[in-house]
Protein backbone atom coordinates (compact mmCIF):
# COMPACT_ATOMS: atom_id res chain seq x y z
CA MET A 1 71.42 -77.00 50.86
CA VAL A 2 71.29 -75.49 47.61
CA MET A 3 70.42 -72.38 47.84
CA LYS A 4 68.00 -71.05 45.29
CA LEU A 5 69.02 -67.55 43.69
CA ASN A 6 66.47 -66.09 41.21
CA ASN A 7 65.60 -63.11 42.40
CA HIS A 8 67.66 -61.39 39.37
CA THR A 9 68.35 -57.85 39.21
CA GLU A 10 67.27 -55.66 36.78
CA ASN A 11 70.09 -55.03 34.57
CA TYR A 12 69.90 -58.77 33.77
CA GLU A 13 66.49 -59.27 33.32
CA GLN A 14 66.75 -56.22 30.47
CA ALA A 15 70.47 -57.71 29.44
CA LYS A 16 68.52 -60.58 28.51
CA LEU A 17 65.33 -59.23 26.71
CA ASN A 18 68.18 -57.49 24.88
CA TYR A 19 69.69 -60.86 23.83
CA ALA A 20 66.32 -62.50 22.76
CA ASN A 21 65.91 -59.42 20.41
CA VAL A 22 69.17 -59.46 18.72
CA VAL A 23 68.68 -63.25 18.30
CA LYS A 24 65.32 -63.15 16.88
CA ASN A 25 66.02 -61.01 14.29
CA GLU A 26 67.13 -62.69 11.43
CA GLU A 27 69.13 -59.46 10.17
CA SER A 28 71.62 -60.09 13.29
CA THR A 29 74.67 -60.67 12.72
CA SER A 30 76.97 -62.94 14.63
CA GLU A 31 79.50 -60.41 15.86
CA GLN A 32 75.62 -58.67 17.72
CA ILE A 33 74.13 -61.54 18.79
CA GLU A 34 77.53 -62.52 19.99
CA THR A 35 78.17 -58.93 21.64
CA ALA A 36 74.58 -58.78 23.08
CA TRP A 37 74.93 -62.42 25.17
CA VAL A 38 78.05 -61.70 26.57
CA ALA A 39 76.69 -58.75 28.13
CA MET A 40 74.08 -60.87 29.38
CA GLN A 41 76.11 -63.38 30.57
CA ASP A 42 78.24 -60.28 32.57
CA ALA A 43 74.78 -59.10 33.55
CA LEU A 44 74.08 -63.10 35.03
CA VAL A 45 77.26 -63.01 37.07
CA ASN A 46 76.77 -59.67 38.77
CA SER A 47 73.39 -60.70 39.19
CA LEU A 48 74.37 -63.83 41.39
CA THR A 49 77.25 -62.43 42.82
CA THR A 50 74.98 -59.12 43.97
CA GLN A 51 72.51 -62.08 45.56
CA ILE A 52 75.21 -64.02 47.35
CA THR A 53 76.94 -61.25 48.68
CA ASN A 54 73.50 -59.49 49.78
CA GLN A 55 71.95 -62.90 51.65
CA VAL A 56 75.55 -63.46 53.59
CA SER A 57 75.71 -60.05 54.75
CA SER A 58 72.53 -59.90 56.34
CA ASN A 59 72.41 -63.42 57.85
CA THR A 60 75.14 -65.16 59.29
CA LEU A 61 75.27 -68.82 57.22
CA ASP A 62 73.50 -70.75 60.39
CA GLN A 63 70.74 -68.13 59.85
CA VAL A 64 70.44 -69.04 56.27
CA VAL A 65 70.47 -72.32 56.69
CA LEU A 66 67.69 -71.97 58.88
CA SER A 67 65.74 -70.14 56.64
CA ASN A 68 66.34 -72.00 53.65
CA ARG A 69 65.11 -75.39 55.42
CA GLY A 70 62.61 -76.02 51.90
CA SER A 71 65.22 -76.20 50.06
CA ASP A 72 67.61 -79.02 48.60
CA ILE A 73 70.16 -80.53 50.95
CA LEU A 74 73.48 -81.60 49.08
CA THR A 75 74.22 -84.69 49.13
CA ALA A 76 77.78 -86.30 50.47
CA GLU A 77 78.84 -86.74 47.03
CA GLU A 78 77.84 -83.41 46.33
CA THR A 79 79.48 -81.80 49.21
CA ARG A 80 82.64 -83.10 48.05
CA PHE A 81 82.33 -82.27 44.35
CA PHE A 82 81.99 -78.72 45.67
CA ASN A 83 84.64 -78.90 48.11
CA GLU A 84 87.20 -80.04 45.96
CA VAL A 85 85.99 -76.50 43.22
CA VAL A 86 86.80 -74.61 46.40
CA LYS A 87 89.89 -76.12 47.28
CA SER A 88 90.96 -76.15 43.42
CA ASP A 89 89.98 -72.61 43.05
CA GLY A 90 87.76 -73.86 39.98
CA PHE A 91 87.00 -76.54 38.13
CA GLN A 92 90.83 -77.34 37.18
CA ASP A 93 89.97 -80.70 35.00
CA GLU A 94 86.94 -81.85 32.75
CA LEU A 95 84.36 -82.90 35.48
CA VAL A 96 80.89 -84.17 35.01
CA LEU A 97 78.19 -82.80 37.67
CA PRO A 98 77.15 -85.51 40.28
CA GLU A 99 73.79 -86.98 38.28
CA THR A 100 72.04 -85.00 40.98
CA ILE A 101 73.00 -81.62 40.04
CA GLU A 102 72.42 -82.36 36.93
CA GLU A 103 68.64 -83.69 37.67
CA ARG A 104 68.09 -80.53 40.01
CA ILE A 105 69.22 -78.08 36.88
CA TYR A 106 66.15 -79.97 34.89
CA ASP A 107 63.80 -80.19 37.73
CA ASP A 108 64.62 -75.87 37.76
CA LEU A 109 64.44 -75.74 33.95
CA THR A 110 61.04 -77.28 33.58
CA SER A 111 59.07 -75.98 36.59
CA GLU A 112 60.65 -72.21 36.35
CA HIS A 113 60.12 -71.77 32.91
CA PRO A 114 56.60 -71.76 31.69
CA LEU A 115 57.82 -73.02 28.08
CA LEU A 116 59.82 -75.58 29.34
CA SER A 117 57.72 -77.08 31.75
CA VAL A 118 55.79 -78.11 28.60
CA ILE A 119 58.62 -79.67 26.42
CA ASN A 120 59.12 -83.55 28.20
CA PHE A 121 62.74 -83.38 27.88
CA ARG A 122 63.95 -87.21 27.63
CA ASN A 123 67.32 -88.35 29.22
CA LEU A 124 68.44 -91.12 26.42
CA GLY A 125 71.87 -91.13 28.80
CA THR A 126 74.20 -91.07 24.90
CA ILE A 127 75.37 -88.55 22.75
CA THR A 128 74.42 -90.50 19.40
CA LEU A 129 70.96 -91.47 20.11
CA THR A 130 68.72 -93.89 18.94
CA ALA A 131 64.55 -92.44 19.66
CA ILE A 132 61.40 -94.41 19.33
CA THR A 133 58.81 -92.52 19.40
CA SER A 134 54.86 -93.32 18.85
CA GLU A 135 51.66 -91.13 19.09
CA TYR A 136 49.83 -92.14 21.64
CA GLU A 137 46.49 -93.09 19.67
CA GLY A 138 48.14 -96.42 18.11
CA ALA A 139 50.55 -98.00 20.11
CA ALA A 140 47.72 -100.56 20.69
CA VAL A 141 45.77 -102.35 17.78
CA TRP A 142 43.16 -105.19 17.55
CA GLY A 143 43.68 -108.44 15.11
CA PRO A 144 43.03 -111.72 14.72
CA ILE A 145 44.15 -114.29 17.82
CA PHE A 146 47.15 -115.80 15.72
CA GLY A 147 47.43 -112.92 12.95
CA ASP A 148 51.13 -111.15 12.76
CA ILE A 149 50.93 -107.69 14.56
CA LYS A 150 54.73 -106.86 13.83
CA GLY A 151 53.87 -104.82 10.69
CA GLN A 152 50.86 -103.24 12.52
CA LEU A 153 53.19 -102.16 15.21
CA ASN A 154 55.74 -101.00 13.02
CA THR A 155 53.58 -98.25 11.47
CA VAL A 156 52.81 -96.84 14.88
CA PHE A 157 56.19 -96.34 16.41
CA LYS A 158 59.17 -94.58 14.45
CA GLN A 159 62.54 -95.37 15.02
CA GLU A 160 65.58 -92.46 13.93
CA LYS A 161 69.02 -92.14 14.50
CA ILE A 162 69.78 -88.35 16.16
CA ALA A 163 72.89 -86.40 16.71
CA GLN A 164 72.57 -83.93 19.64
CA SER A 165 74.08 -80.58 19.29
CA LYS A 166 76.20 -79.05 21.70
CA LEU A 167 75.18 -76.79 24.00
CA THR A 168 77.88 -74.70 26.21
CA ALA A 169 77.67 -71.97 28.61
CA PHE A 170 80.48 -69.90 30.17
CA VAL A 171 80.64 -70.28 33.80
CA VAL A 172 82.28 -67.61 35.15
CA LEU A 173 83.04 -68.20 39.00
CA PRO A 174 84.63 -64.94 40.72
CA LYS A 175 87.47 -65.45 42.50
CA ASP A 176 86.57 -64.69 46.20
CA LEU A 177 83.46 -66.94 46.30
CA ALA A 178 84.81 -70.04 47.65
CA LYS A 179 85.26 -68.01 50.53
CA PHE A 180 81.62 -68.78 50.95
CA GLY A 181 81.76 -72.34 51.39
CA PRO A 182 80.79 -75.01 49.23
CA LYS A 183 77.10 -74.66 49.63
CA TRP A 184 77.24 -71.37 48.48
CA VAL A 185 79.36 -72.05 45.06
CA ALA A 186 76.75 -75.17 44.25
CA ALA A 187 74.06 -72.67 44.33
CA TYR A 188 76.00 -70.18 41.82
CA VAL A 189 77.47 -72.86 39.53
CA GLN A 190 73.63 -74.67 39.57
CA THR A 191 71.75 -71.39 38.70
CA GLN A 192 74.12 -69.73 36.41
CA ILE A 193 74.11 -72.88 34.02
CA THR A 194 70.26 -73.41 34.51
CA GLU A 195 69.44 -69.83 33.49
CA THR A 196 71.92 -69.83 30.32
CA TYR A 197 70.32 -73.25 29.01
CA ALA A 198 67.29 -72.10 29.79
CA VAL A 199 67.48 -68.96 27.36
CA ALA A 200 69.13 -70.96 24.87
CA LEU A 201 66.36 -73.92 24.94
CA GLU A 202 63.85 -71.58 25.06
CA ASN A 203 65.03 -69.88 21.58
CA ALA A 204 65.82 -73.14 20.43
CA ILE A 205 62.54 -74.42 20.88
CA ILE A 206 60.71 -71.82 19.13
CA ASN A 207 63.43 -70.47 16.55
CA GLY A 208 65.75 -72.98 15.82
CA VAL A 209 67.07 -73.86 12.59
CA GLY A 210 67.89 -77.30 12.97
CA PRO A 211 71.01 -79.48 12.45
CA THR A 212 72.31 -77.16 9.87
CA LYS A 213 73.55 -74.92 12.27
CA ASP A 214 73.73 -77.46 14.47
CA GLN A 215 70.62 -76.09 17.05
CA PRO A 216 67.05 -78.40 17.43
CA ILE A 217 64.26 -77.20 15.13
CA GLY A 218 61.74 -74.70 16.32
CA LEU A 219 58.57 -74.78 16.18
CA ILE A 220 57.88 -72.13 13.64
CA ARG A 221 59.94 -73.57 10.82
CA ASP A 222 58.34 -75.31 8.13
CA LEU A 223 59.41 -79.21 8.07
CA GLN A 224 58.08 -79.72 4.35
CA ALA A 225 60.15 -76.87 3.11
CA ALA A 226 63.34 -77.06 1.06
CA VAL A 227 66.35 -76.48 3.82
CA ASP A 228 68.46 -74.11 2.75
CA PRO A 229 72.23 -75.15 3.48
CA THR A 230 73.26 -71.76 4.98
CA THR A 231 69.94 -70.62 7.00
CA GLY A 232 68.64 -73.86 7.95
CA HIS A 233 64.81 -74.62 7.96
CA ALA A 234 62.28 -71.80 6.85
CA LYS A 235 59.95 -70.18 9.18
CA LYS A 236 56.01 -71.37 8.34
CA SER A 237 53.90 -68.76 6.98
CA ALA A 238 51.30 -67.74 9.09
CA THR A 239 48.14 -70.45 8.79
CA GLY A 240 45.22 -67.18 9.50
CA SER A 241 44.85 -63.86 11.64
CA LEU A 242 42.89 -63.31 15.09
CA THR A 243 41.01 -60.50 14.62
CA LEU A 244 39.54 -60.59 18.48
CA GLU A 245 36.75 -58.48 17.55
CA ASP A 246 34.35 -59.91 20.10
CA PRO A 247 33.29 -62.88 22.37
CA LYS A 248 31.28 -65.04 19.36
CA THR A 249 34.47 -63.89 17.22
CA ILE A 250 36.97 -65.47 19.84
CA ILE A 251 35.47 -68.69 20.33
CA ARG A 252 34.83 -69.12 16.77
CA GLU A 253 38.85 -67.79 15.72
CA PHE A 254 40.06 -70.24 18.60
CA ALA A 255 37.68 -73.33 17.42
CA GLY A 256 39.47 -72.74 14.58
CA ILE A 257 42.55 -72.86 15.78
CA GLY A 258 41.80 -76.29 17.87
CA LYS A 259 40.51 -77.41 14.44
CA VAL A 260 43.62 -76.89 13.13
CA LEU A 261 46.14 -78.32 15.55
CA SER A 262 43.43 -81.54 15.41
CA THR A 263 45.15 -83.41 12.09
CA LYS A 264 48.29 -84.36 11.94
CA GLN A 265 49.79 -84.22 8.67
CA ASP A 266 49.44 -87.80 6.97
CA GLY A 267 45.63 -86.62 7.56
CA LYS A 268 44.74 -88.57 10.46
CA LYS A 269 42.66 -86.96 13.36
CA LEU A 270 44.03 -86.15 16.85
CA ASN A 271 42.18 -85.59 20.32
CA VAL A 272 44.36 -82.60 21.40
CA ASN A 273 41.51 -81.33 24.27
CA GLY A 274 43.74 -79.46 27.38
CA LYS A 275 46.92 -79.89 25.05
CA VAL A 276 46.80 -76.23 23.25
CA ALA A 277 49.26 -74.49 24.23
CA LEU A 278 49.85 -70.66 22.91
CA ILE A 279 53.06 -68.87 22.79
CA ILE A 280 53.35 -64.77 23.05
CA ASN A 281 55.52 -62.39 23.14
CA PRO A 282 55.10 -60.45 26.56
CA ALA A 283 54.50 -56.73 24.98
CA ASP A 284 51.33 -58.42 23.69
CA ALA A 285 50.24 -60.75 26.20
CA TRP A 286 48.38 -58.09 27.87
CA ASP A 287 46.64 -57.12 25.07
CA LEU A 288 44.91 -60.72 24.81
CA LYS A 289 44.88 -61.16 28.47
CA ALA A 290 42.38 -58.10 28.84
CA ASP A 291 39.72 -59.68 26.58
CA PHE A 292 39.92 -62.68 28.81
CA THR A 293 39.52 -61.04 31.84
CA ILE A 294 36.55 -61.22 33.40
CA GLN A 295 35.67 -59.95 36.98
CA ASN A 296 33.58 -62.34 39.40
CA THR A 297 30.78 -61.47 42.05
CA LEU A 298 32.69 -61.60 44.54
CA GLY A 299 35.20 -58.96 43.19
CA ASP A 300 37.74 -60.83 41.86
CA TYR A 301 39.66 -60.62 38.48
CA ILE A 302 40.08 -63.82 36.69
CA THR A 303 41.61 -64.92 33.53
CA LYS A 304 40.61 -67.99 31.33
CA LEU A 305 41.15 -68.43 27.51
CA PRO A 306 38.57 -70.51 25.64
CA PHE A 307 38.76 -74.45 25.22
CA ASN A 308 41.37 -74.55 28.34
CA PHE A 309 44.11 -73.25 25.92
CA THR A 310 47.20 -72.50 28.33
CA LEU A 311 49.28 -69.24 27.56
CA ILE A 312 52.68 -68.92 27.52
CA GLU A 313 54.83 -66.25 27.50
CA SER A 314 58.46 -65.74 25.86
CA GLU A 315 60.68 -63.21 24.93
CA PHE A 316 62.06 -65.01 21.99
CA ALA A 317 58.13 -65.25 19.83
CA THR A 318 57.75 -62.43 17.40
CA GLU A 319 55.87 -59.16 18.32
CA GLY A 320 52.31 -59.38 16.49
CA GLU A 321 52.30 -63.34 16.52
CA ILE A 322 51.31 -66.25 18.50
CA ILE A 323 52.74 -69.79 18.23
CA ALA A 324 49.87 -72.49 18.71
CA PHE A 325 51.54 -75.80 19.44
CA VAL A 326 50.44 -79.34 20.77
CA LYS A 327 52.20 -79.48 24.30
CA ASP A 328 53.14 -83.41 23.94
CA ARG A 329 54.19 -83.41 20.36
CA TYR A 330 57.45 -81.79 20.09
CA ASP A 331 60.03 -84.29 21.05
CA ALA A 332 63.24 -83.21 23.12
CA TYR A 333 65.95 -85.01 24.00
CA ARG A 334 69.12 -84.64 26.01
CA GLY A 335 72.18 -86.71 26.89
CA GLY A 336 75.86 -87.03 27.83
CA GLY A 337 75.76 -85.27 31.06
CA VAL A 338 76.72 -81.75 32.36
CA GLU A 339 80.51 -81.72 31.31
CA VAL A 340 82.61 -78.75 33.40
CA SER A 341 85.79 -77.49 32.44
CA GLU A 342 88.65 -74.92 32.81
CA TYR A 343 88.43 -72.18 29.87
CA LYS A 344 91.69 -71.77 28.50
CA GLU A 345 91.34 -69.66 25.46
CA THR A 346 92.01 -66.29 24.69
CA LEU A 347 89.14 -64.88 26.48
CA ALA A 348 90.07 -63.98 30.89
CA MET A 349 88.64 -61.61 33.28
CA GLU A 350 91.07 -60.25 35.93
CA ASP A 351 88.83 -61.07 38.77
CA CYS A 352 86.87 -64.39 37.70
CA ASN A 353 87.86 -67.69 36.50
CA LEU A 354 85.93 -68.91 33.52
CA HIS A 355 84.75 -72.13 32.38
CA ILE A 356 82.79 -73.91 30.29
CA ALA A 357 79.84 -75.96 30.92
CA LYS A 358 78.55 -78.59 28.03
CA THR A 359 75.67 -81.14 27.43
CA PHE A 360 73.74 -82.31 24.40
CA ALA A 361 70.10 -81.70 23.45
CA PHE A 362 67.96 -82.10 20.68
CA GLY A 363 64.37 -81.24 19.48
CA LYS A 364 61.86 -81.27 16.94
CA PRO A 365 58.02 -81.42 16.10
CA ARG A 366 56.86 -84.86 14.88
CA ASP A 367 55.64 -83.66 11.74
CA ASN A 368 54.60 -80.09 10.18
CA LYS A 369 50.88 -80.11 12.14
CA VAL A 370 52.72 -79.73 15.24
CA ALA A 371 52.67 -76.01 15.44
CA ALA A 372 50.71 -73.19 13.57
CA ILE A 373 51.27 -69.53 13.37
CA TYR A 374 48.59 -67.05 13.70
CA THR A 375 48.90 -62.64 13.24
CA LEU A 376 47.25 -60.82 16.20
CA PRO A 377 46.04 -57.49 16.00
CA ALA A 378 47.73 -54.18 15.33
CA THR A 379 46.36 -52.24 19.09
CA GLU A 380 47.09 -48.69 20.01
CA PRO A 381 49.52 -47.74 22.82
CA ALA A 382 47.49 -47.30 25.64
CA GLU A 383 47.03 -43.65 26.43
CA VAL A 384 48.93 -42.79 30.16
């Protein structure tokens, strides 16, 4: 069974928050970003090791299996794979993780991280891709019985070449982890890759500056502005400001968001009902949720946004801003499997074996009207 190791320590959560604050600050140097990333990885390793040690020390392995009967069961291929990892004390050769583990990593990415759960990753299997996309309301066309529909379909479907960016993560295996057996090694490797990829992908989907920096193109980027050869795509200007003054004003302002997103870049109209999501920094989320929380007749508190907008919290969103976007108009691709190999460069750790996991991914908005940025009203700190 693949054990779940998602009860992370407070130190890791704080290190992840610190990394988010550094990486979204455009004035941060590469050295500052690298330092914050390494600190986050160290905290992740400690969190995973702590969780395994606590679970094993408080239960026998048989009891752990019984208490996790709802978890995924290792297949024969997965068991052989991780047995070899245990025997060889790590990933001695460049290996591709079993496809079932790879799919489980992406399943966890999309089920346990709110932003990634609404982004549809398509697995195209190769590093250099030919992607075919279409807008959902145009794939069927009417015409004469014997008419030529090829030209009509060419205007609906778009084909483009995509050279994916390489996403690399360090996998740190404590040297005494092998004594716990293949199930724990599988859980450790899967969780570490999932969490590391989740952080990188979430930041890229929001803030990525594009191929200039070998990154996806984020939701906040302006696709119509000139691309700087050094810094990549520029950030969009705010479309407007939200005042949230009173219920009627809130309804008008949220209706304005829907209206902006209901038009494509070429001026064609879209039906975005039930498809609009709002990304907000956790520091601002409580202020917004307070405006949309009511108490029903049973005494229960219910939080609901107008027009069924979805609220998504992310540390990688800028404080004081909210990003509104249409969930199914951001295209994300992955391919090439997940390869893990021993890291043989200068970086070394005394009690751990260091490896790298790499995969290939890319993402971009369909056009410049997929997302819009709005500023939030300033709020006073709550009195304690």
